[in-house]
C-alpha atoms as a PDB file:
ATOM      1  CA  MET A   1       0.033   0.170  -0.043  1.00  0.00           C
ATOM      2  CA  SER A   2       1.250   3.347  -0.806  1.00  0.00           C
ATOM      3  CA  THR A   3       2.200   6.270   1.491  1.00  0.00           C
ATOM      4  CA  GLN A   4      -1.034   8.231   0.013  1.00  0.00           C
ATOM      5  CA  ASP A   5      -3.208   5.295   0.241  1.00  0.00           C
ATOM      6  CA  ARG A   6      -2.414   4.603   3.868  1.00  0.00           C
ATOM      7  CA  LEU A   7      -3.182   8.561   4.560  1.00  0.00           C
ATOM      8  CA  LEU A   8      -6.469   8.350   2.818  1.00  0.00           C
ATOM      9  CA  GLY A   9      -7.173   5.246   5.150  1.00  0.00           C
ATOM     10  CA  TRP A  10      -6.825   6.918   8.025  1.00  0.00           C
ATOM     11  CA  PHE A  11      -8.964   9.909   7.174  1.00  0.00           C
ATOM     12  CA  GLU A  12     -11.551   7.599   5.658  1.00  0.00           C
ATOM     13  CA  LYS A  13     -13.063   7.110   9.254  1.00  0.00           C
ATOM     14  CA  ARG A  14     -13.744  10.860   9.060  1.00  0.00           C
ATOM     15  CA  LEU A  15     -14.747  11.842   5.706  1.00  0.00           C
ATOM     16  CA  LYS A  16     -16.314   9.981   2.788  1.00  0.00           C
ATOM     17  CA  SER A  17     -16.061  12.019  -0.463  1.00  0.00           C
ATOM     18  CA  LYS A  18     -13.641  13.044  -3.394  1.00  0.00           C
ATOM     19  CA  THR A  19     -11.748  15.064  -0.685  1.00  0.00           C
ATOM     20  CA  LEU A  20      -9.874  12.011   0.089  1.00  0.00           C
ATOM     21  CA  GLY A  21      -8.786  11.559  -3.703  1.00  0.00           C
ATOM     22  CA  ILE A  22      -7.762  15.479  -3.614  1.00  0.00           C
ATOM     23  CA  THR A  23      -5.657  14.846  -0.675  1.00  0.00           C
ATOM     24  CA  HIS A  24      -3.882  11.822  -2.546  1.00  0.00           C
ATOM     25  CA  LYS A  25      -2.723  13.635  -5.522  1.00  0.00           C
ATOM     26  CA  GLN A  26      -1.662  16.787  -3.624  1.00  0.00           C
ATOM     27  CA  ILE A  27       0.840  14.775  -1.189  1.00  0.00           C
ATOM     28  CA  SER A  28       2.044  13.049  -4.234  1.00  0.00           C
ATOM     29  CA  LYS A  29       2.621  15.810  -5.929  1.00  0.00           C
ATOM     30  CA  ALA A  30       4.263  17.721  -2.906  1.00  0.00           C
ATOM     31  CA  PHE A  31       6.997  14.559  -2.333  1.00  0.00           C
ATOM     32  CA  ASP A  32       7.884  14.511  -6.062  1.00  0.00           C
ATOM     33  CA  THR A  33       9.136  18.333  -6.098  1.00  0.00           C
ATOM     34  CA  VAL A  34      11.554  17.441  -3.266  1.00  0.00           C
ATOM     35  CA  THR A  35      12.742  14.349  -5.502  1.00  0.00           C
ATOM     36  CA  GLU A  36      13.213  16.680  -8.640  1.00  0.00           C
ATOM     37  CA  LEU A  37      15.221  19.278  -6.599  1.00  0.00           C
ATOM     38  CA  GLN A  38      17.840  16.850  -5.651  1.00  0.00           C
ATOM     39  CA  GLY A  39      18.004  16.134  -9.025  1.00  0.00           C
ATOM     40  CA  ALA A  40      18.334  19.486 -10.095  1.00  0.00           C
ATOM     41  CA  VAL A  41      20.946  20.161  -7.393  1.00  0.00           C
ATOM     42  CA  GLU A  42      23.062  17.225  -8.624  1.00  0.00           C
ATOM     43  CA  ASN A  43      22.846  17.825 -12.290  1.00  0.00           C
ATOM     44  CA  ALA A  44      24.044  21.529 -11.569  1.00  0.00           C
ATOM     45  CA  SER A  45      26.870  20.482  -9.426  1.00  0.00           C
ATOM     46  CA  ARG A  46      28.223  18.438 -12.306  1.00  0.00           C
ATOM     47  CA  GLY A  47      27.586  21.209 -14.701  1.00  0.00           C
ATOM     48  CA  ASP A  48      24.779  19.386 -16.557  1.00  0.00           C
ATOM     49  CA  LYS A  49      22.856  22.370 -17.493  1.00  0.00           C
ATOM     50  CA  THR A  50      20.532  20.330 -19.574  1.00  0.00           C
ATOM     51  CA  GLY A  51      19.903  17.806 -16.900  1.00  0.00           C
ATOM     52  CA  ALA A  52      19.392  20.201 -14.303  1.00  0.00           C
ATOM     53  CA  GLU A  53      16.844  22.413 -16.621  1.00  0.00           C
ATOM     54  CA  ARG A  54      14.810  19.361 -17.377  1.00  0.00           C
ATOM     55  CA  SER A  55      14.484  18.576 -13.524  1.00  0.00           C
ATOM     56  CA  ILE A  56      13.598  22.277 -12.780  1.00  0.00           C
ATOM     57  CA  GLU A  57      10.957  21.981 -15.298  1.00  0.00           C
ATOM     58  CA  ARG A  58       9.451  18.902 -13.858  1.00  0.00           C
ATOM     59  CA  LEU A  59       9.742  20.570 -10.494  1.00  0.00           C
ATOM     60  CA  PHE A  60       7.370  23.251 -11.681  1.00  0.00           C
ATOM     61  CA  SER A  61       5.078  21.155 -13.275  1.00  0.00           C
ATOM     62  CA  ARG A  62       4.449  19.303 -10.049  1.00  0.00           C
ATOM     63  CA  GLU A  63       4.489  22.437  -7.817  1.00  0.00           C
ATOM     64  CA  SER A  64       1.808  23.751 -10.071  1.00  0.00           C
ATOM     65  CA  GLU A  65      -0.536  20.753  -9.606  1.00  0.00           C
ATOM     66  CA  VAL A  66       0.142  20.980  -5.907  1.00  0.00           C
ATOM     67  CA  ASP A  67      -1.510  24.632  -6.130  1.00  0.00           C
ATOM     68  CA  GLN A  68      -4.138  23.377  -8.194  1.00  0.00           C
ATOM     69  CA  LEU A  69      -4.939  20.371  -5.906  1.00  0.00           C
ATOM     70  CA  ARG A  70      -4.804  22.674  -2.879  1.00  0.00           C
ATOM     71  CA  ARG A  71      -7.525  25.219  -4.067  1.00  0.00           C
ATOM     72  CA  ALA A  72      -9.686  22.306  -5.229  1.00  0.00           C
ATOM     73  CA  LEU A  73      -9.524  20.576  -1.826  1.00  0.00           C
ATOM     74  CA  PHE A  74     -10.235  24.060   0.207  1.00  0.00           C
ATOM     75  CA  LYS A  75     -13.408  24.298  -2.346  1.00  0.00           C
ATOM     76  CA  GLU A  76     -14.514  20.561  -1.364  1.00  0.00           C
ATOM     77  CA  LEU A  77     -14.096  21.299   2.320  1.00  0.00           C
ATOM     78  CA  ALA A  78     -15.915  24.315   2.336  1.00  0.00           C
ATOM     79  CA  GLU A  79     -18.897  22.264   0.666  1.00  0.00           C
ATOM     80  CA  VAL A  80     -18.782  18.913   2.800  1.00  0.00           C
ATOM     81  CA  ASN A  81     -20.383  18.661   5.996  1.00  0.00           C
ATOM     82  CA  LEU A  82     -17.327  17.865   8.369  1.00  0.00           C
ATOM     83  CA  ALA A  83     -16.150  18.223  11.861  1.00  0.00           C
ATOM     84  CA  HIS A  84     -14.481  21.509  12.410  1.00  0.00           C
ATOM     85  CA  ARG A  85     -11.331  19.408  14.048  1.00  0.00           C
ATOM     86  CA  ASP A  86     -11.610  16.988  11.413  1.00  0.00           C
ATOM     87  CA  ARG A  87     -11.341  19.865   8.642  1.00  0.00           C
ATOM     88  CA  GLU A  88      -8.564  21.326  10.418  1.00  0.00           C
ATOM     89  CA  ASP A  89      -6.733  17.993  10.420  1.00  0.00           C
ATOM     90  CA  ILE A  90      -6.653  17.945   6.721  1.00  0.00           C
ATOM     91  CA  MET A  91      -6.141  21.677   6.320  1.00  0.00           C
ATOM     92  CA  HIS A  92      -3.207  21.587   8.404  1.00  0.00           C
ATOM     93  CA  ILE A  93      -1.197  18.890   6.483  1.00  0.00           C
ATOM     94  CA  VAL A  94      -2.064  20.269   3.007  1.00  0.00           C
ATOM     95  CA  GLU A  95      -1.156  23.616   3.731  1.00  0.00           C
ATOM     96  CA  ARG A  96       2.369  22.647   5.416  1.00  0.00           C
ATOM     97  CA  LEU A  97       2.950  20.469   2.062  1.00  0.00           C
ATOM     98  CA  ASP A  98       2.138  23.504  -0.057  1.00  0.00           C
ATOM     99  CA  SER A  99       4.561  25.611   1.759  1.00  0.00           C
ATOM    100  CA  MET A 100       7.267  22.940   1.442  1.00  0.00           C
ATOM    101  CA  ALA A 101       6.636  22.809  -2.057  1.00  0.00           C
ATOM    102  CA  ASP A 102       6.740  26.738  -2.540  1.00  0.00           C
ATOM    103  CA  ASN A 103      10.037  26.575  -0.756  1.00  0.00           C
ATOM    104  CA  VAL A 104      11.266  23.944  -2.979  1.00  0.00           C
ATOM    105  CA  LYS A 105      10.062  25.910  -6.118  1.00  0.00           C
ATOM    106  CA  ASP A 106      12.004  29.014  -5.162  1.00  0.00           C
ATOM    107  CA  SER A 107      15.093  26.694  -4.865  1.00  0.00           C
ATOM    108  CA  ALA A 108      14.591  25.623  -8.313  1.00  0.00           C
ATOM    109  CA  ARG A 109      14.581  29.304  -9.264  1.00  0.00           C
ATOM    110  CA  SER A 110      17.873  29.804  -7.738  1.00  0.00           C
ATOM    111  CA  ILE A 111      19.754  27.398  -9.365  1.00  0.00           C
ATOM    112  CA  ARG A 112      18.182  28.456 -12.626  1.00  0.00           C
ATOM    113  CA  LEU A 113      19.862  31.919 -11.898  1.00  0.00           C
ATOM    114  CA  LEU A 114      23.114  30.104 -11.177  1.00  0.00           C
ATOM    115  CA  GLU A 115      23.400  28.145 -14.273  1.00  0.00           C
ATOM    116  CA  GLU A 116      25.887  30.579 -15.778  1.00  0.00           C
ATOM    117  CA  ALA A 117      27.795  31.512 -12.519  1.00  0.00           C
ATOM    118  CA  GLU A 118      30.843  30.349 -11.366  1.00  0.00           C
ATOM    119  CA  VAL A 119      30.353  28.605  -8.597  1.00  0.00           C
ATOM    120  CA  PRO A 120      33.029  26.711  -6.356  1.00  0.00           C
ATOM    121  CA  GLN A 121      32.549  22.652  -6.516  1.00  0.00           C
ATOM    122  CA  GLU A 122      32.805  22.798  -2.658  1.00  0.00           C
ATOM    123  CA  ILE A 123      29.725  24.907  -2.402  1.00  0.00           C
ATOM    124  CA  TRP A 124      28.026  23.053  -4.871  1.00  0.00           C
ATOM    125  CA  ASP A 125      28.829  19.836  -2.801  1.00  0.00           C
ATOM    126  CA  SER A 126      27.539  21.362   0.180  1.00  0.00           C
ATOM    127  CA  TYR A 127      24.350  21.655  -1.658  1.00  0.00           C
ATOM    128  CA  VAL A 128      24.130  18.411  -2.898  1.00  0.00           C
ATOM    129  CA  LYS A 129      24.118  17.106   0.950  1.00  0.00           C
ATOM    130  CA  MET A 130      21.375  19.578   1.740  1.00  0.00           C
ATOM    131  CA  ALA A 131      19.350  18.562  -1.223  1.00  0.00           C
ATOM    132  CA  ARG A 132      19.540  14.659   0.038  1.00  0.00           C
ATOM    133  CA  ASP A 133      19.052  15.533   3.538  1.00  0.00           C
ATOM    134  CA  LEU A 134      15.705  17.327   2.302  1.00  0.00           C
ATOM    135  CA  VAL A 135      14.868  14.150   0.601  1.00  0.00           C
ATOM    136  CA  GLU A 136      15.388  12.122   3.604  1.00  0.00           C
ATOM    137  CA  CYS A 137      13.673  14.509   5.664  1.00  0.00           C
ATOM    138  CA  ALA A 138      10.590  14.348   3.222  1.00  0.00           C
ATOM    139  CA  GLY A 139      10.887  10.398   3.104  1.00  0.00           C
ATOM    140  CA  ALA A 140      10.629  10.240   6.949  1.00  0.00           C
ATOM    141  CA  LEU A 141       7.725  12.536   6.986  1.00  0.00           C
ATOM    142  CA  ARG A 142       5.906   9.821   4.842  1.00  0.00           C
ATOM    143  CA  GLU A 143       6.910   7.057   6.845  1.00  0.00           C
ATOM    144  CA  SER A 144       5.283   8.973   9.699  1.00  0.00           C
ATOM    145  CA  ILE A 145       2.140   9.365   7.887  1.00  0.00           C
ATOM    146  CA  ASP A 146       2.152   5.842   6.719  1.00  0.00           C
ATOM    147  CA  LEU A 147       2.028   4.722  10.268  1.00  0.00           C
ATOM    148  CA  LEU A 148      -0.958   6.950  10.881  1.00  0.00           C
ATOM    149  CA  ASP A 149      -2.848   4.259   9.658  1.00  0.00           C
ATOM    150  CA  GLU A 150      -1.241   1.169  10.989  1.00  0.00           C
ATOM    151  CA  ASP A 151       0.680   1.751  13.961  1.00  0.00           C
ATOM    152  CA  ILE A 152      -0.234   4.857  15.448  1.00  0.00           C
ATOM    153  CA  PRO A 153       2.387   4.580  18.434  1.00  0.00           C
ATOM    154  CA  SER A 154       5.091   4.178  16.086  1.00  0.00           C
ATOM    155  CA  ALA A 155       4.037   7.225  13.979  1.00  0.00           C
ATOM    156  CA  GLY A 156       5.161   9.307  16.671  1.00  0.00           C
ATOM    157  CA  LYS A 157       8.194   7.808  16.847  1.00  0.00           C
ATOM    158  CA  ALA A 158       8.766   7.976  13.026  1.00  0.00           C
ATOM    159  CA  ALA A 159       8.209  11.751  12.907  1.00  0.00           C
ATOM    160  CA  GLU A 160      11.125  11.977  15.263  1.00  0.00           C
ATOM    161  CA  GLN A 161      13.268  10.667  12.591  1.00  0.00           C
ATOM    162  CA  VAL A 162      12.291  13.960  10.472  1.00  0.00           C
ATOM    163  CA  GLU A 163      13.728  16.193  13.032  1.00  0.00           C
ATOM    164  CA  ILE A 164      17.153  14.197  13.101  1.00  0.00           C
ATOM    165  CA  ALA A 165      17.181  14.778   9.331  1.00  0.00           C
ATOM    166  CA  GLU A 166      16.664  18.414   9.459  1.00  0.00           C
ATOM    167  CA  ASP A 167      19.208  18.845  12.322  1.00  0.00           C
ATOM    168  CA  ARG A 168      21.544  17.327   9.696  1.00  0.00           C
ATOM    169  CA  LEU A 169      20.513  19.505   7.109  1.00  0.00           C
ATOM    170  CA  ASP A 170      20.694  22.538   9.401  1.00  0.00           C
ATOM    171  CA  GLN A 171      24.321  21.603  10.225  1.00  0.00           C
ATOM    172  CA  GLU A 172      25.086  21.566   6.401  1.00  0.00           C
ATOM    173  CA  TYR A 173      23.361  25.139   6.209  1.00  0.00           C
ATOM    174  CA  GLN A 174      25.765  26.509   8.608  1.00  0.00           C
ATOM    175  CA  ASN A 175      28.649  24.741   6.741  1.00  0.00           C
ATOM    176  CA  VAL A 176      27.716  26.401   3.589  1.00  0.00           C
ATOM    177  CA  ARG A 177      27.480  29.875   5.147  1.00  0.00           C
ATOM    178  CA  HIS A 178      31.060  29.089   6.216  1.00  0.00           C
ATOM    179  CA  LEU A 179      32.141  28.354   2.654  1.00  0.00           C
ATOM    180  CA  PHE A 180      30.316  31.588   1.595  1.00  0.00           C
ATOM    181  CA  MET A 181      32.965  33.664   3.681  1.00  0.00           C
ATOM    182  CA  LYS A 182      35.960  31.174   2.419  1.00  0.00           C
ATOM    183  CA  PHE A 183      35.030  32.161  -1.224  1.00  0.00           C
ATOM    184  CA  SER A 184      34.052  35.610  -0.478  1.00  0.00           C
ATOM    185  CA  ARG A 185      36.973  37.079  -2.810  1.00  0.00           C
ATOM    186  CA  GLU A 186      36.282  34.654  -5.831  1.00  0.00           C
ATOM    187  CA  VAL A 187      32.578  34.702  -5.962  1.00  0.00           C
ATOM    188  CA  ASP A 188      31.094  38.041  -7.242  1.00  0.00           C
ATOM    189  CA  PRO A 189      28.353  39.539  -4.670  1.00  0.00           C
ATOM    190  CA  ALA A 190      25.539  38.878  -6.927  1.00  0.00           C
ATOM    191  CA  THR A 191      26.169  34.857  -7.004  1.00  0.00           C
ATOM    192  CA  LEU A 192      26.853  35.136  -3.348  1.00  0.00           C
ATOM    193  CA  MET A 193      23.405  36.622  -2.749  1.00  0.00           C
ATOM    194  CA  ILE A 194      21.610  34.035  -5.028  1.00  0.00           C
ATOM    195  CA  LEU A 195      23.566  30.976  -3.287  1.00  0.00           C
ATOM    196  CA  LYS A 196      22.462  32.438   0.238  1.00  0.00           C
ATOM    197  CA  ASP A 197      18.847  32.640  -1.047  1.00  0.00           C
ATOM    198  CA  LEU A 198      19.334  28.946  -2.257  1.00  0.00           C
ATOM    199  CA  ALA A 199      20.478  27.885   1.213  1.00  0.00           C
ATOM    200  CA  ASP A 200      17.904  29.568   2.802  1.00  0.00           C
ATOM    201  CA  PHE A 201      14.931  28.315   0.866  1.00  0.00           C
ATOM    202  CA  ILE A 202      16.159  24.665   1.163  1.00  0.00           C
ATOM    203  CA  GLU A 203      16.542  25.063   4.796  1.00  0.00           C
ATOM    204  CA  THR A 204      13.209  26.611   5.108  1.00  0.00           C
ATOM    205  CA  ALA A 205      11.780  23.686   3.195  1.00  0.00           C
ATOM    206  CA  ALA A 206      13.098  21.360   5.902  1.00  0.00           C
ATOM    207  CA  ASP A 207      11.936  23.281   8.595  1.00  0.00           C
ATOM    208  CA  THR A 208       8.264  23.016   7.274  1.00  0.00           C
ATOM    209  CA  CYS A 209       8.744  19.158   6.888  1.00  0.00           C
ATOM    210  CA  ALA A 210       9.698  19.194  10.752  1.00  0.00           C
ATOM    211  CA  ASP A 211       6.708  21.588  11.392  1.00  0.00           C
ATOM    212  CA  THR A 212       4.316  18.982   9.734  1.00  0.00           C
ATOM    213  CA  ALA A 213       5.954  15.963  11.436  1.00  0.00           C
ATOM    214  CA  ASP A 214       5.346  17.721  14.826  1.00  0.00           C
ATOM    215  CA  TYR A 215       1.569  17.931  13.723  1.00  0.00           C
ATOM    216  CA  VAL A 216       1.800  14.247  12.842  1.00  0.00           C
ATOM    217  CA  LYS A 217       2.682  13.742  16.721  1.00  0.00           C
ATOM    218  CA  ILE A 218      -0.055  15.751  17.730  1.00  0.00           C
ATOM    219  CA  LEU A 219      -2.419  13.278  15.569  1.00  0.00           C
ATOM    220  CA  ALA A 220      -0.789  10.126  16.748  1.00  0.00           C
ATOM    221  CA  ALA A 221      -1.020  11.293  20.237  1.00  0.00           C
ATOM    222  CA  ARG A 222      -4.870  11.989  19.954  1.00  0.00           C
ATOM    223  CA  GLY A 223      -5.565   8.668  18.095  1.00  0.00           C
ATOM    224  CA  SER A 224      -3.320   6.526  20.476  1.00  0.00           C
END
């Protein structure tokens, strides 16, 4: 059973409508953006502009679908008869995933701006680590959501792994900031500004993952 199907199963006790199908798709597309960001960063670090651009285009497409699905879901929630707390359960998760996808999209925009810039390989290597940590962070979040439907006590424990991955990403975030100082005389100020934006967007996406995991802990505690 897929992650999305498990999450739908968890909500199925609360809501019987097409909202479930919309939630399913929205979660899937949000996670896809993180995977495409990793591909964009890795390709950019190798100087593969074509590969990076393909990943970015796919990322933009997924993020656009996330927005469309979020709007469709909120419209559906306004029309169905649903308890206030149950409605908030769905909205909190969807809004956080949407925010994560927004920051991932902004990260991709920064990568596109850097395609013609001279960026030291050591800095790119640090971004590759951040992107991989973000994928792990999102993967741990996915696992915690899986467990909401099959093992509620374990869902909270799995959510803690999100924080571990986010902490590791934060350490790399601090490392890349040190690299900005190290290469400040070699990299022009405009490029450094965009590099900083890229680091901030990735770090914020990870923070959003951690925030979502905190909410999963609340749901797990409520359902235990």
